[in-house]
Amino acid sequence: WRWEHKTVFSLLSWLAFAVLLLGRARFGWRGRSAVRVLYAGAAL
């Protein structure tokens, strides 16, 4: 395992999706805010 661009972007995307799912389950995130986080995670 090496810390390189692919690794960093993969972990950042994992973190974005984890935040999105946690926000959905805990705070009921929906609408534009949730979609923006989804787009950001997908881009990463």
ModelCIF file with pLDDT and N, C-alpha, C, O atoms, coordinates in Angstrom:
data_MODEL
#
_entry.id   MODEL 
#
_entity.id                         1 
_entity.type                       polymer 
_entity.pdbx_number_of_molecules   1 
#
_entity_poly.entity_id                      1 
_entity_poly.type                           'polypeptide(L)' 
_entity_poly.nstd_linkage                   no 
_entity_poly.nstd_monomer                   no 
_entity_poly.pdbx_seq_one_letter_code       WRWEHKTVFSLLSWLAFAVLLLGRARFGWRGRSAVRVLYAGAAL 
_entity_poly.pdbx_seq_one_letter_code_can   WRWEHKTVFSLLSWLAFAVLLLGRARFGWRGRSAVRVLYAGAAL 
_entity_poly.pdbx_strand_id                 A 
#
loop_
_entity_poly_seq.entity_id 
_entity_poly_seq.num 
_entity_poly_seq.mon_id 
_entity_poly_seq.hetero 
1 1  TRP n 
1 2  ARG n 
1 3  TRP n 
1 4  GLU n 
1 5  HIS n 
1 6  LYS n 
1 7  THR n 
1 8  VAL n 
1 9  PHE n 
1 10 SER n 
1 11 LEU n 
1 12 LEU n 
1 13 SER n 
1 14 TRP n 
1 15 LEU n 
1 16 ALA n 
1 17 PHE n 
1 18 ALA n 
1 19 VAL n 
1 20 LEU n 
1 21 LEU n 
1 22 LEU n 
1 23 GLY n 
1 24 ARG n 
1 25 ALA n 
1 26 ARG n 
1 27 PHE n 
1 28 GLY n 
1 29 TRP n 
1 30 ARG n 
1 31 GLY n 
1 32 ARG n 
1 33 SER n 
1 34 ALA n 
1 35 VAL n 
1 36 ARG n 
1 37 VAL n 
1 38 LEU n 
1 39 TYR n 
1 40 ALA n 
1 41 GLY n 
1 42 ALA n 
1 43 ALA n 
1 44 LEU n 
#
_struct_asym.id          A 
_struct_asym.entity_id   1 
#
loop_
_ma_qa_metric.id 
_ma_qa_metric.mode 
_ma_qa_metric.name 
_ma_qa_metric.software_group_id 
_ma_qa_metric.type 
1 global pLDDT . pLDDT 
2 local  pLDDT . pLDDT 
#
_ma_qa_metric_global.metric_id      1 
_ma_qa_metric_global.metric_value   90.55 
_ma_qa_metric_global.model_id       1 
_ma_qa_metric_global.ordinal_id     1 
#
loop_
_ma_qa_metric_local.label_asym_id 
_ma_qa_metric_local.label_comp_id 
_ma_qa_metric_local.label_seq_id 
_ma_qa_metric_local.metric_id 
_ma_qa_metric_local.metric_value 
_ma_qa_metric_local.model_id 
_ma_qa_metric_local.ordinal_id 
A TRP 1  2 61.00 1 1  
A ARG 2  2 69.00 1 2  
A TRP 3  2 72.00 1 3  
A GLU 4  2 80.00 1 4  
A HIS 5  2 82.00 1 5  
A LYS 6  2 85.00 1 6  
A THR 7  2 86.00 1 7  
A VAL 8  2 91.00 1 8  
A PHE 9  2 94.00 1 9  
A SER 10 2 92.00 1 10 
A LEU 11 2 94.00 1 11 
A LEU 12 2 96.00 1 12 
A SER 13 2 96.00 1 13 
A TRP 14 2 96.00 1 14 
A LEU 15 2 97.00 1 15 
A ALA 16 2 97.00 1 16 
A PHE 17 2 97.00 1 17 
A ALA 18 2 97.00 1 18 
A VAL 19 2 96.00 1 19 
A LEU 20 2 96.00 1 20 
A LEU 21 2 96.00 1 21 
A LEU 22 2 95.00 1 22 
A GLY 23 2 94.00 1 23 
A ARG 24 2 93.00 1 24 
A ALA 25 2 92.00 1 25 
A ARG 26 2 91.00 1 26 
A PHE 27 2 88.00 1 27 
A GLY 28 2 87.00 1 28 
A TRP 29 2 87.00 1 29 
A ARG 30 2 84.00 1 30 
A GLY 31 2 82.00 1 31 
A ARG 32 2 86.00 1 32 
A SER 33 2 88.00 1 33 
A ALA 34 2 91.00 1 34 
A VAL 35 2 94.00 1 35 
A ARG 36 2 94.00 1 36 
A VAL 37 2 96.00 1 37 
A LEU 38 2 96.00 1 38 
A TYR 39 2 96.00 1 39 
A ALA 40 2 96.00 1 40 
A GLY 41 2 96.00 1 41 
A ALA 42 2 96.00 1 42 
A ALA 43 2 96.00 1 43 
A LEU 44 2 96.00 1 44 
#
loop_
_atom_site.group_PDB 
_atom_site.id 
_atom_site.type_symbol 
_atom_site.label_atom_id 
_atom_site.label_alt_id 
_atom_site.label_comp_id 
_atom_site.label_asym_id 
_atom_site.label_entity_id 
_atom_site.label_seq_id 
_atom_site.pdbx_PDB_ins_code 
_atom_site.Cartn_x 
_atom_site.Cartn_y 
_atom_site.Cartn_z 
_atom_site.occupancy 
_atom_site.B_iso_or_equiv 
_atom_site.pdbx_formal_charge 
_atom_site.auth_seq_id 
_atom_site.auth_comp_id 
_atom_site.auth_asym_id 
_atom_site.auth_atom_id 
_atom_site.pdbx_PDB_model_num 
ATOM 1   N N  . TRP A 1 1  ? 0.838   -1.212 0.000  1.00 61.00 ? 1  TRP A N  1 
ATOM 2   C CA . TRP A 1 1  ? 0.000   0.000  0.000  1.00 61.00 ? 1  TRP A CA 1 
ATOM 3   C C  . TRP A 1 1  ? 0.862   1.247  0.000  1.00 61.00 ? 1  TRP A C  1 
ATOM 4   O O  . TRP A 1 1  ? 1.798   1.360  0.791  1.00 61.00 ? 1  TRP A O  1 
ATOM 5   N N  . ARG A 1 2  ? 0.551   2.180  -0.881 1.00 69.00 ? 2  ARG A N  1 
ATOM 6   C CA . ARG A 1 2  ? 1.316   3.421  -0.961 1.00 69.00 ? 2  ARG A CA 1 
ATOM 7   C C  . ARG A 1 2  ? 0.358   4.610  -0.924 1.00 69.00 ? 2  ARG A C  1 
ATOM 8   O O  . ARG A 1 2  ? -0.761  4.560  -1.435 1.00 69.00 ? 2  ARG A O  1 
ATOM 9   N N  . TRP A 1 3  ? 0.848   5.685  -0.293 1.00 72.00 ? 3  TRP A N  1 
ATOM 10  C CA . TRP A 1 3  ? 0.069   6.925  -0.281 1.00 72.00 ? 3  TRP A CA 1 
ATOM 11  C C  . TRP A 1 3  ? 0.361   7.677  -1.583 1.00 72.00 ? 3  TRP A C  1 
ATOM 12  O O  . TRP A 1 3  ? 1.416   8.294  -1.731 1.00 72.00 ? 3  TRP A O  1 
ATOM 13  N N  . GLU A 1 4  ? -0.572  7.618  -2.509 1.00 80.00 ? 4  GLU A N  1 
ATOM 14  C CA . GLU A 1 4  ? -0.445  8.289  -3.790 1.00 80.00 ? 4  GLU A CA 1 
ATOM 15  C C  . GLU A 1 4  ? -1.770  8.961  -4.122 1.00 80.00 ? 4  GLU A C  1 
ATOM 16  O O  . GLU A 1 4  ? -2.715  8.902  -3.336 1.00 80.00 ? 4  GLU A O  1 
ATOM 17  N N  . HIS A 1 5  ? -1.837  9.598  -5.289 1.00 82.00 ? 5  HIS A N  1 
ATOM 18  C CA . HIS A 1 5  ? -3.037  10.355 -5.639 1.00 82.00 ? 5  HIS A CA 1 
ATOM 19  C C  . HIS A 1 5  ? -4.288  9.480  -5.626 1.00 82.00 ? 5  HIS A C  1 
ATOM 20  O O  . HIS A 1 5  ? -5.325  9.882  -5.099 1.00 82.00 ? 5  HIS A O  1 
ATOM 21  N N  . LYS A 1 6  ? -4.190  8.298  -6.199 1.00 85.00 ? 6  LYS A N  1 
ATOM 22  C CA . LYS A 1 6  ? -5.361  7.413  -6.242 1.00 85.00 ? 6  LYS A CA 1 
ATOM 23  C C  . LYS A 1 6  ? -5.842  7.065  -4.839 1.00 85.00 ? 6  LYS A C  1 
ATOM 24  O O  . LYS A 1 6  ? -7.043  7.051  -4.567 1.00 85.00 ? 6  LYS A O  1 
ATOM 25  N N  . THR A 1 7  ? -4.893  6.783  -3.956 1.00 86.00 ? 7  THR A N  1 
ATOM 26  C CA . THR A 1 7  ? -5.244  6.425  -2.579 1.00 86.00 ? 7  THR A CA 1 
ATOM 27  C C  . THR A 1 7  ? -5.911  7.587  -1.860 1.00 86.00 ? 7  THR A C  1 
ATOM 28  O O  . THR A 1 7  ? -6.934  7.410  -1.199 1.00 86.00 ? 7  THR A O  1 
ATOM 29  N N  . VAL A 1 8  ? -5.335  8.767  -1.987 1.00 91.00 ? 8  VAL A N  1 
ATOM 30  C CA . VAL A 1 8  ? -5.859  9.941  -1.283 1.00 91.00 ? 8  VAL A CA 1 
ATOM 31  C C  . VAL A 1 8  ? -7.270  10.280 -1.769 1.00 91.00 ? 8  VAL A C  1 
ATOM 32  O O  . VAL A 1 8  ? -8.165  10.515 -0.957 1.00 91.00 ? 8  VAL A O  1 
ATOM 33  N N  . PHE A 1 9  ? -7.470  10.305 -3.089 1.00 94.00 ? 9  PHE A N  1 
ATOM 34  C CA . PHE A 1 9  ? -8.796  10.628 -3.621 1.00 94.00 ? 9  PHE A CA 1 
ATOM 35  C C  . PHE A 1 9  ? -9.821  9.561  -3.239 1.00 94.00 ? 9  PHE A C  1 
ATOM 36  O O  . PHE A 1 9  ? -10.979 9.883  -2.972 1.00 94.00 ? 9  PHE A O  1 
ATOM 37  N N  . SER A 1 10 ? -9.402  8.290  -3.213 1.00 92.00 ? 10 SER A N  1 
ATOM 38  C CA . SER A 1 10 ? -10.322 7.217  -2.819 1.00 92.00 ? 10 SER A CA 1 
ATOM 39  C C  . SER A 1 10 ? -10.769 7.386  -1.369 1.00 92.00 ? 10 SER A C  1 
ATOM 40  O O  . SER A 1 10 ? -11.952 7.247  -1.057 1.00 92.00 ? 10 SER A O  1 
ATOM 41  N N  . LEU A 1 11 ? -9.820  7.687  -0.490 1.00 94.00 ? 11 LEU A N  1 
ATOM 42  C CA . LEU A 1 11 ? -10.165 7.872  0.919  1.00 94.00 ? 11 LEU A CA 1 
ATOM 43  C C  . LEU A 1 11 ? -11.028 9.112  1.124  1.00 94.00 ? 11 LEU A C  1 
ATOM 44  O O  . LEU A 1 11 ? -11.942 9.100  1.948  1.00 94.00 ? 11 LEU A O  1 
ATOM 45  N N  . LEU A 1 12 ? -10.744 10.180 0.383  1.00 96.00 ? 12 LEU A N  1 
ATOM 46  C CA . LEU A 1 12 ? -11.567 11.384 0.489  1.00 96.00 ? 12 LEU A CA 1 
ATOM 47  C C  . LEU A 1 12 ? -12.997 11.116 0.014  1.00 96.00 ? 12 LEU A C  1 
ATOM 48  O O  . LEU A 1 12 ? -13.957 11.600 0.614  1.00 96.00 ? 12 LEU A O  1 
ATOM 49  N N  . SER A 1 13 ? -13.132 10.347 -1.061 1.00 96.00 ? 13 SER A N  1 
ATOM 50  C CA . SER A 1 13 ? -14.475 10.012 -1.532 1.00 96.00 ? 13 SER A CA 1 
ATOM 51  C C  . SER A 1 13 ? -15.199 9.132  -0.521 1.00 96.00 ? 13 SER A C  1 
ATOM 52  O O  . SER A 1 13 ? -16.393 9.313  -0.282 1.00 96.00 ? 13 SER A O  1 
ATOM 53  N N  . TRP A 1 14 ? -14.480 8.173  0.078  1.00 96.00 ? 14 TRP A N  1 
ATOM 54  C CA . TRP A 1 14 ? -15.079 7.321  1.107  1.00 96.00 ? 14 TRP A CA 1 
ATOM 55  C C  . TRP A 1 14 ? -15.577 8.180  2.269  1.00 96.00 ? 14 TRP A C  1 
ATOM 56  O O  . TRP A 1 14 ? -16.669 7.956  2.792  1.00 96.00 ? 14 TRP A O  1 
ATOM 57  N N  . LEU A 1 15 ? -14.777 9.157  2.663  1.00 97.00 ? 15 LEU A N  1 
ATOM 58  C CA . LEU A 1 15 ? -15.166 10.039 3.762  1.00 97.00 ? 15 LEU A CA 1 
ATOM 59  C C  . LEU A 1 15 ? -16.401 10.859 3.386  1.00 97.00 ? 15 LEU A C  1 
ATOM 60  O O  . LEU A 1 15 ? -17.295 11.038 4.213  1.00 97.00 ? 15 LEU A O  1 
ATOM 61  N N  . ALA A 1 16 ? -16.460 11.355 2.158  1.00 97.00 ? 16 ALA A N  1 
ATOM 62  C CA . ALA A 1 16 ? -17.615 12.146 1.717  1.00 97.00 ? 16 ALA A CA 1 
ATOM 63  C C  . ALA A 1 16 ? -18.893 11.310 1.753  1.00 97.00 ? 16 ALA A C  1 
ATOM 64  O O  . ALA A 1 16 ? -19.931 11.779 2.220  1.00 97.00 ? 16 ALA A O  1 
ATOM 65  N N  . PHE A 1 17 ? -18.819 10.081 1.264  1.00 97.00 ? 17 PHE A N  1 
ATOM 66  C CA . PHE A 1 17 ? -20.007 9.233  1.268  1.00 97.00 ? 17 PHE A CA 1 
ATOM 67  C C  . PHE A 1 17 ? -20.383 8.811  2.691  1.00 97.00 ? 17 PHE A C  1 
ATOM 68  O O  . PHE A 1 17 ? -21.565 8.681  3.007  1.00 97.00 ? 17 PHE A O  1 
ATOM 69  N N  . ALA A 1 18 ? -19.384 8.598  3.545  1.00 97.00 ? 18 ALA A N  1 
ATOM 70  C CA . ALA A 1 18 ? -19.675 8.257  4.948  1.00 97.00 ? 18 ALA A CA 1 
ATOM 71  C C  . ALA A 1 18 ? -20.408 9.411  5.628  1.00 97.00 ? 18 ALA A C  1 
ATOM 72  O O  . ALA A 1 18 ? -21.374 9.191  6.359  1.00 97.00 ? 18 ALA A O  1 
ATOM 73  N N  . VAL A 1 19 ? -19.951 10.639 5.389  1.00 96.00 ? 19 VAL A N  1 
ATOM 74  C CA . VAL A 1 19 ? -20.612 11.818 5.959  1.00 96.00 ? 19 VAL A CA 1 
ATOM 75  C C  . VAL A 1 19 ? -22.036 11.936 5.423  1.00 96.00 ? 19 VAL A C  1 
ATOM 76  O O  . VAL A 1 19 ? -22.958 12.263 6.170  1.00 96.00 ? 19 VAL A O  1 
ATOM 77  N N  . LEU A 1 20 ? -22.216 11.671 4.125  1.00 96.00 ? 20 LEU A N  1 
ATOM 78  C CA . LEU A 1 20 ? -23.543 11.761 3.522  1.00 96.00 ? 20 LEU A CA 1 
ATOM 79  C C  . LEU A 1 20 ? -24.503 10.747 4.147  1.00 96.00 ? 20 LEU A C  1 
ATOM 80  O O  . LEU A 1 20 ? -25.629 11.097 4.502  1.00 96.00 ? 20 LEU A O  1 
ATOM 81  N N  . LEU A 1 21 ? -24.067 9.503  4.281  1.00 96.00 ? 21 LEU A N  1 
ATOM 82  C CA . LEU A 1 21 ? -24.934 8.474  4.847  1.00 96.00 ? 21 LEU A CA 1 
ATOM 83  C C  . LEU A 1 21 ? -25.211 8.729  6.329  1.00 96.00 ? 21 LEU A C  1 
ATOM 84  O O  . LEU A 1 21 ? -26.324 8.504  6.804  1.00 96.00 ? 21 LEU A O  1 
ATOM 85  N N  . LEU A 1 22 ? -24.195 9.199  7.059  1.00 95.00 ? 22 LEU A N  1 
ATOM 86  C CA . LEU A 1 22 ? -24.392 9.528  8.467  1.00 95.00 ? 22 LEU A CA 1 
ATOM 87  C C  . LEU A 1 22 ? -25.355 10.703 8.622  1.00 95.00 ? 22 LEU A C  1 
ATOM 88  O O  . LEU A 1 22 ? -26.244 10.677 9.472  1.00 95.00 ? 22 LEU A O  1 
ATOM 89  N N  . GLY A 1 23 ? -25.172 11.726 7.801  1.00 94.00 ? 23 GLY A N  1 
ATOM 90  C CA . GLY A 1 23 ? -26.075 12.873 7.854  1.00 94.00 ? 23 GLY A CA 1 
ATOM 91  C C  . GLY A 1 23 ? -27.499 12.498 7.499  1.00 94.00 ? 23 GLY A C  1 
ATOM 92  O O  . GLY A 1 23 ? -28.451 13.027 8.072  1.00 94.00 ? 23 GLY A O  1 
ATOM 93  N N  . ARG A 1 24 ? -27.642 11.582 6.549  1.00 93.00 ? 24 ARG A N  1 
ATOM 94  C CA . ARG A 1 24 ? -28.986 11.115 6.169  1.00 93.00 ? 24 ARG A CA 1 
ATOM 95  C C  . ARG A 1 24 ? -29.637 10.341 7.314  1.00 93.00 ? 24 ARG A C  1 
ATOM 96  O O  . ARG A 1 24 ? -30.810 10.551 7.625  1.00 93.00 ? 24 ARG A O  1 
ATOM 97  N N  . ALA A 1 25 ? -28.863 9.437  7.946  1.00 92.00 ? 25 ALA A N  1 
ATOM 98  C CA . ALA A 1 25 ? -29.420 8.604  9.009  1.00 92.00 ? 25 ALA A CA 1 
ATOM 99  C C  . ALA A 1 25 ? -29.653 9.383  10.298 1.00 92.00 ? 25 ALA A C  1 
ATOM 100 O O  . ALA A 1 25 ? -30.644 9.161  10.994 1.00 92.00 ? 25 ALA A O  1 
ATOM 101 N N  . ARG A 1 26 ? -28.731 10.301 10.612 1.00 91.00 ? 26 ARG A N  1 
ATOM 102 C CA . ARG A 1 26 ? -28.800 10.993 11.921 1.00 91.00 ? 26 ARG A CA 1 
ATOM 103 C C  . ARG A 1 26 ? -29.606 12.280 11.861 1.00 91.00 ? 26 ARG A C  1 
ATOM 104 O O  . ARG A 1 26 ? -30.350 12.601 12.787 1.00 91.00 ? 26 ARG A O  1 
ATOM 105 N N  . PHE A 1 27 ? -29.453 13.017 10.764 1.00 88.00 ? 27 PHE A N  1 
ATOM 106 C CA . PHE A 1 27 ? -30.080 14.344 10.700 1.00 88.00 ? 27 PHE A CA 1 
ATOM 107 C C  . PHE A 1 27 ? -31.115 14.476 9.582  1.00 88.00 ? 27 PHE A C  1 
ATOM 108 O O  . PHE A 1 27 ? -31.692 15.546 9.387  1.00 88.00 ? 27 PHE A O  1 
ATOM 109 N N  . GLY A 1 28 ? -31.347 13.388 8.852  1.00 87.00 ? 28 GLY A N  1 
ATOM 110 C CA . GLY A 1 28 ? -32.355 13.430 7.800  1.00 87.00 ? 28 GLY A CA 1 
ATOM 111 C C  . GLY A 1 28 ? -31.991 14.299 6.616  1.00 87.00 ? 28 GLY A C  1 
ATOM 112 O O  . GLY A 1 28 ? -32.869 14.922 6.018  1.00 87.00 ? 28 GLY A O  1 
ATOM 113 N N  . TRP A 1 29 ? -30.710 14.356 6.261  1.00 87.00 ? 29 TRP A N  1 
ATOM 114 C CA . TRP A 1 29 ? -30.289 15.183 5.126  1.00 87.00 ? 29 TRP A CA 1 
ATOM 115 C C  . TRP A 1 29 ? -31.032 14.780 3.863  1.00 87.00 ? 29 TRP A C  1 
ATOM 116 O O  . TRP A 1 29 ? -31.254 13.597 3.607  1.00 87.00 ? 29 TRP A O  1 
ATOM 117 N N  . ARG A 1 30 ? -31.413 15.780 3.078  1.00 84.00 ? 30 ARG A N  1 
ATOM 118 C CA . ARG A 1 30 ? -32.077 15.534 1.805  1.00 84.00 ? 30 ARG A CA 1 
ATOM 119 C C  . ARG A 1 30 ? -31.980 16.798 0.959  1.00 84.00 ? 30 ARG A C  1 
ATOM 120 O O  . ARG A 1 30 ? -31.485 17.829 1.415  1.00 84.00 ? 30 ARG A O  1 
ATOM 121 N N  . GLY A 1 31 ? -32.452 16.705 -0.261 1.00 82.00 ? 31 GLY A N  1 
ATOM 122 C CA . GLY A 1 31 ? -32.484 17.881 -1.112 1.00 82.00 ? 31 GLY A CA 1 
ATOM 123 C C  . GLY A 1 31 ? -31.131 18.299 -1.631 1.00 82.00 ? 31 GLY A C  1 
ATOM 124 O O  . GLY A 1 31 ? -30.235 17.475 -1.816 1.00 82.00 ? 31 GLY A O  1 
ATOM 125 N N  . ARG A 1 32 ? -30.990 19.603 -1.866 1.00 86.00 ? 32 ARG A N  1 
ATOM 126 C CA . ARG A 1 32 ? -29.808 20.127 -2.537 1.00 86.00 ? 32 ARG A CA 1 
ATOM 127 C C  . ARG A 1 32 ? -28.515 19.861 -1.774 1.00 86.00 ? 32 ARG A C  1 
ATOM 128 O O  . ARG A 1 32 ? -27.499 19.519 -2.380 1.00 86.00 ? 32 ARG A O  1 
ATOM 129 N N  . SER A 1 33 ? -28.542 20.013 -0.458 1.00 88.00 ? 33 SER A N  1 
ATOM 130 C CA . SER A 1 33 ? -27.323 19.815 0.331  1.00 88.00 ? 33 SER A CA 1 
ATOM 131 C C  . SER A 1 33 ? -26.809 18.388 0.193  1.00 88.00 ? 33 SER A C  1 
ATOM 132 O O  . SER A 1 33 ? -25.614 18.169 -0.004 1.00 88.00 ? 33 SER A O  1 
ATOM 133 N N  . ALA A 1 34 ? -27.717 17.419 0.297  1.00 91.00 ? 34 ALA A N  1 
ATOM 134 C CA . ALA A 1 34 ? -27.315 16.019 0.175  1.00 91.00 ? 34 ALA A CA 1 
ATOM 135 C C  . ALA A 1 34 ? -26.797 15.730 -1.225 1.00 91.00 ? 34 ALA A C  1 
ATOM 136 O O  . ALA A 1 34 ? -25.817 15.003 -1.388 1.00 91.00 ? 34 ALA A O  1 
ATOM 137 N N  . VAL A 1 35 ? -27.450 16.295 -2.238 1.00 94.00 ? 35 VAL A N  1 
ATOM 138 C CA . VAL A 1 35 ? -27.025 16.060 -3.621 1.00 94.00 ? 35 VAL A CA 1 
ATOM 139 C C  . VAL A 1 35 ? -25.641 16.644 -3.869 1.00 94.00 ? 35 VAL A C  1 
ATOM 140 O O  . VAL A 1 35 ? -24.835 16.043 -4.579 1.00 94.00 ? 35 VAL A O  1 
ATOM 141 N N  . ARG A 1 36 ? -25.356 17.803 -3.294 1.00 94.00 ? 36 ARG A N  1 
ATOM 142 C CA . ARG A 1 36 ? -24.029 18.403 -3.468 1.00 94.00 ? 36 ARG A CA 1 
ATOM 143 C C  . ARG A 1 36 ? -22.934 17.514 -2.882 1.00 94.00 ? 36 ARG A C  1 
ATOM 144 O O  . ARG A 1 36 ? -21.875 17.347 -3.486 1.00 94.00 ? 36 ARG A O  1 
ATOM 145 N N  . VAL A 1 37 ? -23.194 16.942 -1.698 1.00 96.00 ? 37 VAL A N  1 
ATOM 146 C CA . VAL A 1 37 ? -22.202 16.039 -1.100 1.00 96.00 ? 37 VAL A CA 1 
ATOM 147 C C  . VAL A 1 37 ? -22.030 14.800 -1.970 1.00 96.00 ? 37 VAL A C  1 
ATOM 148 O O  . VAL A 1 37 ? -20.913 14.315 -2.149 1.00 96.00 ? 37 VAL A O  1 
ATOM 149 N N  . LEU A 1 38 ? -23.133 14.288 -2.512 1.00 96.00 ? 38 LEU A N  1 
ATOM 150 C CA . LEU A 1 38 ? -23.052 13.132 -3.406 1.00 96.00 ? 38 LEU A CA 1 
ATOM 151 C C  . LEU A 1 38 ? -22.218 13.460 -4.634 1.00 96.00 ? 38 LEU A C  1 
ATOM 152 O O  . LEU A 1 38 ? -21.354 12.671 -5.018 1.00 96.00 ? 38 LEU A O  1 
ATOM 153 N N  . TYR A 1 39 ? -22.459 14.600 -5.252 1.00 96.00 ? 39 TYR A N  1 
ATOM 154 C CA . TYR A 1 39 ? -21.683 14.993 -6.430 1.00 96.00 ? 39 TYR A CA 1 
ATOM 155 C C  . TYR A 1 39 ? -20.198 15.148 -6.088 1.00 96.00 ? 39 TYR A C  1 
ATOM 156 O O  . TYR A 1 39 ? -19.329 14.744 -6.861 1.00 96.00 ? 39 TYR A O  1 
ATOM 157 N N  . ALA A 1 40 ? -19.920 15.738 -4.920 1.00 96.00 ? 40 ALA A N  1 
ATOM 158 C CA . ALA A 1 40 ? -18.523 15.919 -4.517 1.00 96.00 ? 40 ALA A CA 1 
ATOM 159 C C  . ALA A 1 40 ? -17.839 14.571 -4.312 1.00 96.00 ? 40 ALA A C  1 
ATOM 160 O O  . ALA A 1 40 ? -16.709 14.376 -4.760 1.00 96.00 ? 40 ALA A O  1 
ATOM 161 N N  . GLY A 1 41 ? -18.515 13.639 -3.637 1.00 96.00 ? 41 GLY A N  1 
ATOM 162 C CA . GLY A 1 41 ? -17.942 12.315 -3.430 1.00 96.00 ? 41 GLY A CA 1 
ATOM 163 C C  . GLY A 1 41 ? -17.724 11.587 -4.736 1.00 96.00 ? 41 GLY A C  1 
ATOM 164 O O  . GLY A 1 41 ? -16.697 10.932 -4.918 1.00 96.00 ? 41 GLY A O  1 
ATOM 165 N N  . ALA A 1 42 ? -18.693 11.692 -5.667 1.00 96.00 ? 42 ALA A N  1 
ATOM 166 C CA . ALA A 1 42 ? -18.561 11.034 -6.964 1.00 96.00 ? 42 ALA A CA 1 
ATOM 167 C C  . ALA A 1 42 ? -17.401 11.631 -7.763 1.00 96.00 ? 42 ALA A C  1 
ATOM 168 O O  . ALA A 1 42 ? -16.668 10.901 -8.431 1.00 96.00 ? 42 ALA A O  1 
ATOM 169 N N  . ALA A 1 43 ? -17.232 12.949 -7.697 1.00 96.00 ? 43 ALA A N  1 
ATOM 170 C CA . ALA A 1 43 ? -16.121 13.592 -8.405 1.00 96.00 ? 43 ALA A CA 1 
ATOM 171 C C  . ALA A 1 43 ? -14.774 13.134 -7.846 1.00 96.00 ? 43 ALA A C  1 
ATOM 172 O O  . ALA A 1 43 ? -13.843 12.869 -8.607 1.00 96.00 ? 43 ALA A O  1 
ATOM 173 N N  . LEU A 1 44 ? -14.671 13.041 -6.531 1.00 96.00 ? 44 LEU A N  1 
ATOM 174 C CA . LEU A 1 44 ? -13.429 12.559 -5.913 1.00 96.00 ? 44 LEU A CA 1 
ATOM 175 C C  . LEU A 1 44 ? -13.151 11.115 -6.301 1.00 96.00 ? 44 LEU A C  1 
ATOM 176 O O  . LEU A 1 44 ? -12.148 10.543 -5.874 1.00 96.00 ? 44 LEU A O  1 
#
